[in-house]
Each structure stands twice: as C-alpha cells, then as structure tokens.
Amino acid sequence: MTLKPAVMLFAAGRGTRMAPLTDERPKPMVEVAGKPLVDHALGLVRQAGLDRVVANTHYLPTRLETHLHLAGVQTIRETELLETGGGLRNALPLLGDGPVITLNSDAVWAGGNPISELLDAWQPDEMDALLTLIHPDSAVGHDGAGDFSVSDTGRLTRAPGFVYTGAQIMKPERLFDISDNVFSLNRVWDLIQAERRLFGVIFQGAWCDVGQPASIPMAEALLNV
C-alpha cells in the first residue's frame, strides 16, 4: 500500500440518542467492551498503517481532546456544529492535500478492516468518492432498507439496498462547491453521483451502529466480549 491519506474522525456530535450516558461526556468517550468508542475507530486506523489523524470536537470537548491528544490525534474544535461536510471542509487545513479517509467514531466492526479495504479498492482515475457499504442483514443496531444500490461495476445510485457505514475515502475538492458553512456530505455525494464518480465497496464482515444505550450490548456481542 503506497497511499497513506490523512484520516478525519467525526467526533463532534451531541449524542442525544445516547442519553443519559452522554449527559456528562461526549459520545465518543462512551465505553464499549472496556474502552471508549473512539478508540475502536482509532484501532482500525492504526491497524491500516495510517498515522495522520484529525478529529473534530464540539460537545463537552475537553475530556475528549485530552484523550485524543494523548493518542497522537490532532483536534479542531467547532464553535457550532458544521455537520459532516462542513466539518470536513473546516478541517482541511490540518488534513492536507489529496484524498482523505473519513470515519464515524460511533461504530464497531468485526470481520475485517474497512479502511484497508477502502485503500485496496481506491481507483482515483475513475472515483471521486468510495464509500464502505454493508448489507442491512449485517448492520447491527441499524433500521432501514439501505441508502444506495450498487451496480456491477461498483457505481452507486440513491436507492434502497446497502447501508452506508460511516467510512469512506474521497477527494476533497467538491466540498468547495457547496456555499453553505453547515452541510452534510450527502450533498457532495449527490454532485459526485451526477458525474458517475461515486462508488462503493461492500464490507463482508459485520458492523454495529452504536447510536443508543441499547446498542452497547449488541456491539459487545459482535466483538465476542
């Protein structure tokens, strides 16, 4: 593997669905299997051989920032929640040029490393974004019929089919086509899809969306704890 992009960890949300566990700590610091959620995400990053990591913070940021700094992660504090697209664009001065991996900090994975799989499948000549998807049957703690359908060539369209997992690699240039300060990456993906440069890779393991307290035992079962 020659490509070593920077990684953006999304860690700024309020975690309202995780209350009361988030009444006095940010969601990435909620523990699953004996360690904070954010450490599960960081473990995937390090295992994939990547070392340049930036995380955004906002809600109850001090404890999370201290924890991340000790782990060698740079942080950028948002004075207002910028959502995924705005948060990523705001962090680009720390992330540098080139493609960037983005990873949600509120999920656990089993059966493989999604970041390594993204790097192996990335083809920048034909892709502007490559999203990690999973079949709904393997998406623990997640309801819904899915976000994207996948063609035989891996090209994505908006339709029920596969669930977006919160992991992707993308070129950041299209972020500047959005004039708003606060916006979702969904708007950028729509621009990329219109040019037929939005692709997906299907994760063959299992994934748990740790979105609420009831999801924690499901995540720990997935990890065989």
Foldseek 3Di string as FASTA:
>chain_A
DPDAFEEEEEFADQLPQAPPVSVQHGQQQDDFPHGGLQVLVVVLCVVLPHQAYEYEYEHNCPVVCVVVVVVVYHYDYDPDAQADLLVVVVCDVSRDADKYKYAYSQKHWPDDRVVNVQVVPDDVVQAQKEFEWEFPVQEAADDDQAAWDADPVQFTDGDGGTHTQRIMIGHSPLSVVDPDSHDYCVVSVVVRSVVRRYGYDYDPTHMYRRSYPVRRVVRNVSVVD
